[in-house]
Amino acid sequence: MKLHDDIHNYYEKLLIDEIEKQKIEAKYDNDTLADFCCTALNQLPSRYIRFEVDMAFYSSQSERLEMEQRVRDAIEFATAAVAKRGNSDG
């Protein structure tokens, strides 16, 4: 078993999906985007899974909506943190 291949934090997927949805990757260079992601993920709880289907099957609709809101809140926090540093490209 390779831990990094078999297990991942579900919030990572939710964060990437929301970053793409909001087109945040266009606002920052790669280094700043990596810092942005770390900052956002550090605001979120860990939710480790092996398969995406596990989350779909074992989570209620209200729990999924709450997780998505947490991601949006973490993105707001990370946006403010990056703005304070002054590393925005756009």
N, C-alpha and C. Protein backbone atom coordinates (compact mmCIF):
# COMPACT_ATOMS: atom_id res chain seq x y z
N MET A 1 0.85 -1.19 0.00
CA MET A 1 0.00 0.00 0.00
C MET A 1 0.89 1.24 0.00
N LYS A 2 0.54 2.18 -0.83
CA LYS A 2 1.19 3.49 -0.82
C LYS A 2 0.18 4.49 -0.29
N LEU A 3 0.45 4.97 0.91
CA LEU A 3 -0.50 5.84 1.59
C LEU A 3 -0.90 7.03 0.73
N HIS A 4 0.05 7.68 0.07
CA HIS A 4 -0.26 8.87 -0.71
C HIS A 4 -1.08 8.55 -1.96
N ASP A 5 -1.07 7.30 -2.40
CA ASP A 5 -1.86 6.91 -3.57
C ASP A 5 -3.24 6.39 -3.19
N ASP A 6 -3.35 5.76 -2.02
CA ASP A 6 -4.57 5.07 -1.64
C ASP A 6 -5.52 5.88 -0.78
N ILE A 7 -4.99 6.85 -0.07
CA ILE A 7 -5.81 7.60 0.89
C ILE A 7 -5.58 9.09 0.65
N HIS A 8 -6.67 9.87 0.68
CA HIS A 8 -6.53 11.32 0.55
C HIS A 8 -7.61 12.04 1.35
N ASN A 9 -7.37 13.29 1.59
CA ASN A 9 -8.29 14.14 2.32
C ASN A 9 -9.35 14.65 1.33
N TYR A 10 -10.60 14.34 1.59
CA TYR A 10 -11.68 14.73 0.68
C TYR A 10 -11.77 16.24 0.50
N TYR A 11 -11.38 16.98 1.52
CA TYR A 11 -11.44 18.44 1.41
C TYR A 11 -10.49 18.96 0.33
N GLU A 12 -9.43 18.21 0.02
CA GLU A 12 -8.53 18.63 -1.06
C GLU A 12 -9.29 18.69 -2.38
N LYS A 13 -10.11 17.68 -2.66
CA LYS A 13 -10.90 17.66 -3.89
C LYS A 13 -11.91 18.81 -3.90
N LEU A 14 -12.59 18.98 -2.77
CA LEU A 14 -13.57 20.07 -2.70
C LEU A 14 -12.90 21.42 -2.92
N LEU A 15 -11.72 21.60 -2.34
CA LEU A 15 -11.00 22.87 -2.50
C LEU A 15 -10.62 23.09 -3.96
N ILE A 16 -10.04 22.09 -4.59
CA ILE A 16 -9.65 22.22 -6.00
C ILE A 16 -10.87 22.51 -6.87
N ASP A 17 -11.97 21.82 -6.63
CA ASP A 17 -13.20 22.07 -7.40
C ASP A 17 -13.65 23.52 -7.26
N GLU A 18 -13.61 24.05 -6.04
CA GLU A 18 -14.06 25.43 -5.81
C GLU A 18 -13.06 26.43 -6.39
N ILE A 19 -11.78 26.13 -6.33
CA ILE A 19 -10.77 27.00 -6.94
C ILE A 19 -11.01 27.10 -8.44
N GLU A 20 -11.29 25.97 -9.07
CA GLU A 20 -11.58 25.97 -10.51
C GLU A 20 -12.87 26.72 -10.80
N LYS A 21 -13.88 26.49 -9.98
CA LYS A 21 -15.18 27.16 -10.17
C LYS A 21 -15.03 28.69 -10.09
N GLN A 22 -14.24 29.16 -9.12
CA GLN A 22 -14.04 30.59 -8.93
C GLN A 22 -12.90 31.17 -9.77
N LYS A 23 -12.22 30.30 -10.53
CA LYS A 23 -11.10 30.70 -11.41
C LYS A 23 -9.97 31.39 -10.61
N ILE A 24 -9.75 30.90 -9.41
CA ILE A 24 -8.74 31.47 -8.53
C ILE A 24 -7.33 31.23 -9.06
N GLU A 25 -7.13 30.12 -9.77
CA GLU A 25 -5.79 29.81 -10.27
C GLU A 25 -5.28 30.88 -11.24
N ALA A 26 -6.17 31.64 -11.84
CA ALA A 26 -5.77 32.71 -12.76
C ALA A 26 -5.27 33.95 -12.01
N LYS A 27 -5.54 34.03 -10.72
CA LYS A 27 -5.18 35.22 -9.94
C LYS A 27 -3.77 35.17 -9.37
N TYR A 28 -3.17 33.97 -9.27
CA TYR A 28 -1.91 33.81 -8.55
C TYR A 28 -0.90 33.02 -9.38
N ASP A 29 0.39 33.26 -9.11
CA ASP A 29 1.41 32.40 -9.70
C ASP A 29 1.39 31.06 -8.95
N ASN A 30 2.14 30.07 -9.44
CA ASN A 30 2.09 28.72 -8.86
C ASN A 30 2.52 28.69 -7.40
N ASP A 31 3.56 29.43 -7.05
CA ASP A 31 4.01 29.43 -5.66
C ASP A 31 2.96 30.02 -4.72
N THR A 32 2.36 31.13 -5.13
CA THR A 32 1.34 31.76 -4.31
C THR A 32 0.10 30.87 -4.23
N LEU A 33 -0.24 30.22 -5.33
CA LEU A 33 -1.40 29.32 -5.32
C LEU A 33 -1.17 28.15 -4.37
N ALA A 34 0.05 27.62 -4.34
CA ALA A 34 0.36 26.54 -3.40
C ALA A 34 0.21 27.02 -1.96
N ASP A 35 0.72 28.21 -1.66
CA ASP A 35 0.56 28.79 -0.32
C ASP A 35 -0.92 29.01 -0.01
N PHE A 36 -1.66 29.49 -0.99
CA PHE A 36 -3.10 29.73 -0.86
C PHE A 36 -3.80 28.42 -0.47
N CYS A 37 -3.48 27.34 -1.19
CA CYS A 37 -4.11 26.05 -0.91
C CYS A 37 -3.77 25.54 0.48
N CYS A 38 -2.51 25.67 0.87
CA CYS A 38 -2.11 25.25 2.22
C CYS A 38 -2.86 26.05 3.28
N THR A 39 -2.96 27.35 3.08
CA THR A 39 -3.66 28.21 4.03
C THR A 39 -5.13 27.81 4.13
N ALA A 40 -5.76 27.58 3.00
CA ALA A 40 -7.17 27.19 3.00
C ALA A 40 -7.35 25.82 3.65
N LEU A 41 -6.53 24.84 3.28
CA LEU A 41 -6.67 23.50 3.84
C LEU A 41 -6.42 23.48 5.34
N ASN A 42 -5.55 24.34 5.82
CA ASN A 42 -5.31 24.40 7.26
C ASN A 42 -6.50 24.93 8.05
N GLN A 43 -7.46 25.53 7.36
CA GLN A 43 -8.69 26.01 8.00
C GLN A 43 -9.77 24.93 8.05
N LEU A 44 -9.52 23.81 7.39
CA LEU A 44 -10.53 22.76 7.23
C LEU A 44 -10.17 21.53 8.05
N PRO A 45 -11.19 20.79 8.48
CA PRO A 45 -10.90 19.54 9.17
C PRO A 45 -10.41 18.49 8.17
N SER A 46 -9.82 17.44 8.66
CA SER A 46 -9.41 16.33 7.80
C SER A 46 -10.57 15.37 7.62
N ARG A 47 -10.71 14.88 6.41
CA ARG A 47 -11.76 13.88 6.12
C ARG A 47 -11.16 12.90 5.13
N TYR A 48 -10.48 11.90 5.65
CA TYR A 48 -9.75 10.97 4.80
C TYR A 48 -10.64 9.88 4.24
N ILE A 49 -10.43 9.61 2.97
CA ILE A 49 -11.20 8.58 2.27
C ILE A 49 -10.27 7.82 1.33
N ARG A 50 -10.76 6.70 0.87
CA ARG A 50 -10.06 5.96 -0.19
C ARG A 50 -10.71 6.23 -1.54
N PHE A 51 -12.04 6.25 -1.57
CA PHE A 51 -12.77 6.38 -2.82
C PHE A 51 -13.81 7.49 -2.72
N GLU A 52 -13.95 8.25 -3.79
CA GLU A 52 -14.94 9.34 -3.84
C GLU A 52 -16.35 8.81 -3.57
N VAL A 53 -16.64 7.64 -4.04
CA VAL A 53 -17.98 7.07 -3.87
C VAL A 53 -18.32 6.90 -2.39
N ASP A 54 -17.29 6.71 -1.54
CA ASP A 54 -17.54 6.59 -0.10
C ASP A 54 -18.23 7.85 0.44
N MET A 55 -17.78 9.01 0.00
CA MET A 55 -18.37 10.26 0.48
C MET A 55 -19.79 10.42 -0.05
N ALA A 56 -20.01 10.06 -1.29
CA ALA A 56 -21.34 10.18 -1.86
C ALA A 56 -22.33 9.26 -1.14
N PHE A 57 -21.88 8.08 -0.78
CA PHE A 57 -22.76 7.10 -0.17
C PHE A 57 -23.00 7.36 1.31
N TYR A 58 -21.95 7.77 2.03
CA TYR A 58 -22.04 7.87 3.48
C TYR A 58 -22.32 9.28 4.01
N SER A 59 -22.44 10.27 3.14
CA SER A 59 -22.71 11.64 3.59
C SER A 59 -24.11 12.06 3.19
N SER A 60 -24.76 12.76 4.10
CA SER A 60 -26.09 13.29 3.78
C SER A 60 -25.93 14.55 2.93
N GLN A 61 -27.00 14.95 2.30
CA GLN A 61 -27.00 16.16 1.49
C GLN A 61 -26.62 17.37 2.34
N SER A 62 -27.16 17.46 3.54
CA SER A 62 -26.85 18.61 4.40
C SER A 62 -25.38 18.60 4.81
N GLU A 63 -24.81 17.43 5.04
CA GLU A 63 -23.39 17.36 5.39
C GLU A 63 -22.52 17.80 4.21
N ARG A 64 -22.88 17.38 3.01
CA ARG A 64 -22.12 17.80 1.82
C ARG A 64 -22.21 19.31 1.62
N LEU A 65 -23.38 19.87 1.82
CA LEU A 65 -23.54 21.32 1.69
C LEU A 65 -22.72 22.07 2.74
N GLU A 66 -22.69 21.54 3.96
CA GLU A 66 -21.89 22.15 5.02
C GLU A 66 -20.39 22.09 4.67
N MET A 67 -19.95 20.99 4.12
CA MET A 67 -18.55 20.86 3.72
C MET A 67 -18.20 21.87 2.63
N GLU A 68 -19.09 22.04 1.67
CA GLU A 68 -18.86 23.01 0.59
C GLU A 68 -18.80 24.43 1.14
N GLN A 69 -19.64 24.74 2.12
CA GLN A 69 -19.61 26.07 2.73
C GLN A 69 -18.31 26.28 3.50
N ARG A 70 -17.86 25.26 4.18
CA ARG A 70 -16.58 25.35 4.89
C ARG A 70 -15.44 25.66 3.93
N VAL A 71 -15.48 25.05 2.77
CA VAL A 71 -14.45 25.30 1.75
C VAL A 71 -14.52 26.75 1.28
N ARG A 72 -15.72 27.24 1.02
CA ARG A 72 -15.86 28.64 0.60
C ARG A 72 -15.35 29.59 1.68
N ASP A 73 -15.64 29.29 2.93
CA ASP A 73 -15.14 30.11 4.04
C ASP A 73 -13.61 30.06 4.11
N ALA A 74 -13.04 28.89 3.93
CA ALA A 74 -11.58 28.74 3.96
C ALA A 74 -10.94 29.50 2.80
N ILE A 75 -11.59 29.52 1.65
CA ILE A 75 -11.09 30.29 0.51
C ILE A 75 -11.11 31.77 0.81
N GLU A 76 -12.16 32.25 1.45
CA GLU A 76 -12.21 33.66 1.84
C GLU A 76 -11.07 34.00 2.78
N PHE A 77 -10.82 33.12 3.75
CA PHE A 77 -9.73 33.33 4.70
C PHE A 77 -8.38 33.37 3.98
N ALA A 78 -8.15 32.42 3.09
CA ALA A 78 -6.89 32.34 2.35
C ALA A 78 -6.72 33.55 1.43
N THR A 79 -7.79 34.00 0.82
CA THR A 79 -7.73 35.19 -0.04
C THR A 79 -7.28 36.40 0.76
N ALA A 80 -7.85 36.56 1.94
CA ALA A 80 -7.47 37.69 2.80
C ALA A 80 -6.01 37.56 3.25
N ALA A 81 -5.59 36.36 3.59
CA ALA A 81 -4.21 36.15 4.03
C ALA A 81 -3.21 36.46 2.93
N VAL A 82 -3.51 36.03 1.72
CA VAL A 82 -2.61 36.30 0.58
C VAL A 82 -2.61 37.79 0.26
N ALA A 83 -3.76 38.42 0.36
CA ALA A 83 -3.82 39.87 0.09
C ALA A 83 -2.97 40.64 1.09
N LYS A 84 -2.96 40.22 2.34
CA LYS A 84 -2.14 40.88 3.36
C LYS A 84 -0.66 40.76 3.04
N ARG A 85 -0.28 39.64 2.46
CA ARG A 85 1.12 39.43 2.09
C ARG A 85 1.50 40.22 0.85
N GLY A 86 0.51 40.55 0.02
CA GLY A 86 0.78 41.32 -1.19
C GLY A 86 1.37 40.51 -2.33
N ASN A 87 1.06 39.21 -2.40
CA ASN A 87 1.61 38.35 -3.44
C ASN A 87 0.64 38.07 -4.56
N SER A 88 -0.41 38.83 -4.70
CA SER A 88 -1.38 38.59 -5.76
C SER A 88 -0.83 39.08 -7.09
N ASP A 89 -1.06 38.29 -8.15
CA ASP A 89 -0.66 38.69 -9.49
C ASP A 89 -1.77 39.41 -10.22
N GLY A 90 -2.98 39.42 -9.67
CA GLY A 90 -4.06 40.00 -10.42
C GLY A 90 -5.01 40.77 -9.61
